[in-house]
Amino acid sequence: MKSTKIALIVILSALSIGTNYALIGISNVKLMDFIVFFGGFCFGAVVGSSVGVLSWFVYGLINPLGPAPPFIWIATMLAESVYGIAGGFIGKKLNSNSIQNERLSAGVFFATVGFLPTVLYDLVTNVAFAYSMNVPMIGAIVTGAWFGVVHEASNAAIFGLCTVPLISVMKKSILREENVLSKE
């Protein structure tokens, strides 16, 4: 990997982990998923998924609530990478001009983009919890449903409200310049 990509991964991971620590008191409302997605959106799926894995690698070990059990820790690292992969795929396919012209529909689209991978993430982590703690699968899913609803709704809101304005800012500042990553 080029040094610029490594620097992006480390910086976005630090931002992701830092915001999780800052929001530790609000259960399942975090900016990590959005940061991972946006890293993928702007810099590609490899950068985004690497941010997801590295963020949960560190956050799962150094967590104020205690380290994650090993199987859950691995599941969260892999599930978090889905946001970066989705961001990379969508970033390649979407035209930023159409996003600017269709702000409301783009907001709804990104809310859906925030919601759907979160359903998958919550399902994967609930299954990992059930397996790791040796509890019935249905019990883990039902017990985790409230946390899932909060996580899914907050991600839908964060993605829906923040993506379009952030794309505008990025387009005006970074994306207007020649892409540093494509030169390397």
Protein backbone atom coordinates (compact mmCIF):
# COMPACT_ATOMS: atom_id res chain seq x y z
CA MET A 1 0.00 0.00 0.00
CA LYS A 2 1.14 3.50 -0.71
CA SER A 3 1.98 5.72 2.23
CA THR A 4 -0.91 8.10 1.44
CA LYS A 5 -3.44 5.29 1.70
CA ILE A 6 -1.90 4.06 4.93
CA ALA A 7 -2.07 7.59 6.35
CA LEU A 8 -5.74 7.90 5.31
CA ILE A 9 -6.57 4.58 6.94
CA VAL A 10 -4.83 5.54 10.19
CA ILE A 11 -6.37 9.03 10.33
CA LEU A 12 -9.90 7.84 9.55
CA SER A 13 -9.53 4.97 12.02
CA ALA A 14 -8.38 7.37 14.75
CA LEU A 15 -11.35 9.63 14.01
CA SER A 16 -13.68 6.64 14.07
CA ILE A 17 -12.33 5.30 17.36
CA GLY A 18 -12.23 8.76 18.93
CA THR A 19 -15.88 9.44 18.10
CA ASN A 20 -16.83 6.04 19.56
CA TYR A 21 -15.08 6.94 22.81
CA ALA A 22 -16.77 10.34 22.83
CA LEU A 23 -20.21 8.74 22.39
CA ILE A 24 -19.62 5.80 24.75
CA GLY A 25 -22.53 6.88 26.97
CA ILE A 26 -25.06 6.69 24.13
CA SER A 27 -25.62 3.03 23.36
CA ASN A 28 -25.54 2.10 19.65
CA VAL A 29 -25.44 5.68 18.38
CA LYS A 30 -22.00 6.05 16.83
CA LEU A 31 -20.28 7.81 13.94
CA MET A 32 -17.90 4.90 13.25
CA ASP A 33 -20.09 3.30 10.58
CA PHE A 34 -20.51 6.61 8.77
CA ILE A 35 -16.79 7.37 8.86
CA VAL A 36 -15.96 3.91 7.51
CA PHE A 37 -18.56 4.32 4.75
CA PHE A 38 -17.36 7.78 3.83
CA GLY A 39 -13.74 6.60 3.76
CA GLY A 40 -14.79 4.00 1.20
CA PHE A 41 -16.94 6.48 -0.69
CA CYS A 42 -14.10 8.99 -1.12
CA PHE A 43 -11.04 6.77 -1.29
CA GLY A 44 -12.24 3.34 -2.40
CA ALA A 45 -13.38 0.07 -0.90
CA VAL A 46 -9.90 -1.05 0.18
CA VAL A 47 -9.35 2.10 2.25
CA GLY A 48 -12.90 2.03 3.64
CA SER A 49 -12.89 -1.64 4.60
CA SER A 50 -9.41 -1.29 6.11
CA VAL A 51 -10.68 1.60 8.25
CA GLY A 52 -13.53 -0.62 9.43
CA VAL A 53 -11.30 -3.54 10.35
CA LEU A 54 -8.62 -1.40 12.01
CA SER A 55 -11.19 0.68 13.93
CA TRP A 56 -12.81 -2.39 15.45
CA PHE A 57 -9.44 -4.06 15.94
CA VAL A 58 -8.44 -1.24 18.30
CA TYR A 59 -11.89 -0.42 19.72
CA GLY A 60 -12.60 -4.08 20.44
CA LEU A 61 -9.41 -4.37 22.50
CA ILE A 62 -9.20 -0.97 24.16
CA ASN A 63 -12.77 -0.31 25.15
CA PRO A 64 -14.00 1.46 28.29
CA LEU A 65 -16.66 -1.25 28.60
CA GLY A 66 -14.04 -4.00 28.41
CA PRO A 67 -12.55 -5.95 25.52
CA ALA A 68 -14.87 -7.83 23.19
CA PRO A 69 -14.86 -11.62 23.39
CA PRO A 70 -12.66 -13.02 20.59
CA PHE A 71 -15.37 -14.40 18.29
CA ILE A 72 -17.52 -11.27 18.63
CA TRP A 73 -14.44 -9.11 18.09
CA ILE A 74 -13.62 -10.87 14.81
CA ALA A 75 -17.26 -10.72 13.68
CA THR A 76 -17.47 -6.97 14.35
CA MET A 77 -14.22 -6.30 12.47
CA LEU A 78 -15.48 -8.18 9.42
CA ALA A 79 -19.02 -6.77 9.62
CA GLU A 80 -17.71 -3.21 9.97
CA SER A 81 -15.75 -3.59 6.74
CA VAL A 82 -19.06 -3.91 4.86
CA TYR A 83 -19.65 -0.16 5.32
CA GLY A 84 -16.34 0.61 3.62
CA ILE A 85 -17.03 -1.81 0.77
CA ALA A 86 -20.51 -0.30 0.27
CA GLY A 87 -19.00 3.20 0.32
CA GLY A 88 -16.38 2.25 -2.26
CA PHE A 89 -18.96 0.70 -4.56
CA ILE A 90 -21.39 3.61 -4.28
CA GLY A 91 -18.63 6.20 -4.59
CA LYS A 92 -17.61 4.70 -7.93
CA LYS A 93 -21.16 4.54 -9.27
CA LEU A 94 -22.69 7.86 -8.20
CA ASN A 95 -22.24 11.15 -9.95
CA SER A 96 -21.69 13.88 -7.35
CA ASN A 97 -23.44 16.44 -9.57
CA SER A 98 -26.66 14.41 -9.55
CA ILE A 99 -26.41 14.21 -5.75
CA GLN A 100 -26.21 18.00 -5.56
CA ASN A 101 -29.22 18.44 -7.87
CA GLU A 102 -31.38 15.85 -6.11
CA ARG A 103 -30.56 16.55 -2.46
CA LEU A 104 -33.77 15.19 -0.95
CA SER A 105 -33.82 11.93 -2.90
CA ALA A 106 -30.06 11.57 -2.32
CA GLY A 107 -30.67 12.00 1.42
CA VAL A 108 -33.31 9.28 1.37
CA PHE A 109 -30.99 7.05 -0.68
CA PHE A 110 -28.13 7.51 1.81
CA ALA A 111 -30.49 6.93 4.77
CA THR A 112 -31.34 3.59 3.17
CA VAL A 113 -27.64 2.94 2.57
CA GLY A 114 -27.04 3.56 6.28
CA PHE A 115 -29.94 1.36 7.32
CA LEU A 116 -29.42 -1.78 5.21
CA PRO A 117 -25.80 -2.65 6.08
CA THR A 118 -26.64 -1.94 9.72
CA VAL A 119 -29.34 -4.62 9.65
CA LEU A 120 -26.72 -7.04 8.32
CA TYR A 121 -24.14 -5.86 10.88
CA ASP A 122 -26.60 -6.30 13.76
CA LEU A 123 -27.62 -9.76 12.57
CA VAL A 124 -23.98 -10.88 12.24
CA THR A 125 -23.03 -9.54 15.66
CA ASN A 126 -26.13 -11.06 17.31
CA VAL A 127 -25.32 -14.45 15.78
CA ALA A 128 -21.71 -14.08 16.92
CA PHE A 129 -22.95 -13.20 20.41
CA ALA A 130 -25.22 -16.26 20.51
CA TYR A 131 -22.43 -18.53 19.35
CA SER A 132 -19.81 -17.00 21.63
CA MET A 133 -21.98 -16.97 24.75
CA ASN A 134 -23.65 -20.31 23.98
CA VAL A 135 -27.18 -18.89 24.12
CA PRO A 136 -30.08 -19.74 21.79
CA MET A 137 -29.92 -17.82 18.51
CA ILE A 138 -33.51 -16.57 18.72
CA GLY A 139 -32.92 -15.35 22.26
CA ALA A 140 -29.88 -13.35 21.21
CA ILE A 141 -31.71 -11.83 18.26
CA VAL A 142 -34.80 -10.92 20.31
CA THR A 143 -32.69 -9.55 23.17
CA GLY A 144 -30.57 -7.54 20.75
CA ALA A 145 -33.58 -6.22 18.80
CA TRP A 146 -33.91 -2.99 20.82
CA PHE A 147 -30.23 -2.21 20.39
CA GLY A 148 -30.55 -3.04 16.69
CA VAL A 149 -33.49 -0.68 16.20
CA VAL A 150 -31.57 2.16 17.84
CA HIS A 151 -28.44 1.38 15.79
CA GLU A 152 -30.36 1.09 12.50
CA ALA A 153 -32.47 4.22 13.06
CA SER A 154 -29.49 6.33 14.15
CA ASN A 155 -27.40 5.19 11.18
CA ALA A 156 -30.27 5.95 8.80
CA ALA A 157 -30.50 9.45 10.28
CA ILE A 158 -26.73 10.06 10.30
CA PHE A 159 -26.21 8.79 6.75
CA GLY A 160 -29.33 10.56 5.45
CA LEU A 161 -28.55 13.92 7.01
CA CYS A 162 -24.75 14.04 6.77
CA THR A 163 -23.69 12.40 3.50
CA VAL A 164 -24.94 15.00 1.01
CA PRO A 165 -23.53 18.03 2.89
CA LEU A 166 -20.20 16.23 3.40
CA ILE A 167 -20.03 15.36 -0.30
CA SER A 168 -20.57 19.07 -1.05
CA VAL A 169 -17.74 20.07 1.26
CA MET A 170 -15.43 17.39 -0.13
CA LYS A 171 -16.24 18.35 -3.69
CA LYS A 172 -15.45 22.00 -3.02
CA SER A 173 -12.19 21.29 -1.24
CA ILE A 174 -10.55 17.94 -1.84
CA LEU A 175 -12.31 16.50 -4.85
CA ARG A 176 -11.83 19.65 -6.91
CA GLU A 177 -8.07 19.15 -6.76
CA GLU A 178 -6.41 16.35 -8.68
CA ASN A 179 -6.90 13.12 -6.85
CA VAL A 180 -3.70 12.55 -4.87
CA LEU A 181 -4.35 8.82 -4.64
CA SER A 182 -4.61 8.33 -8.41
CA LYS A 183 -1.13 9.79 -8.90
CA GLU A 184 0.48 7.13 -6.74
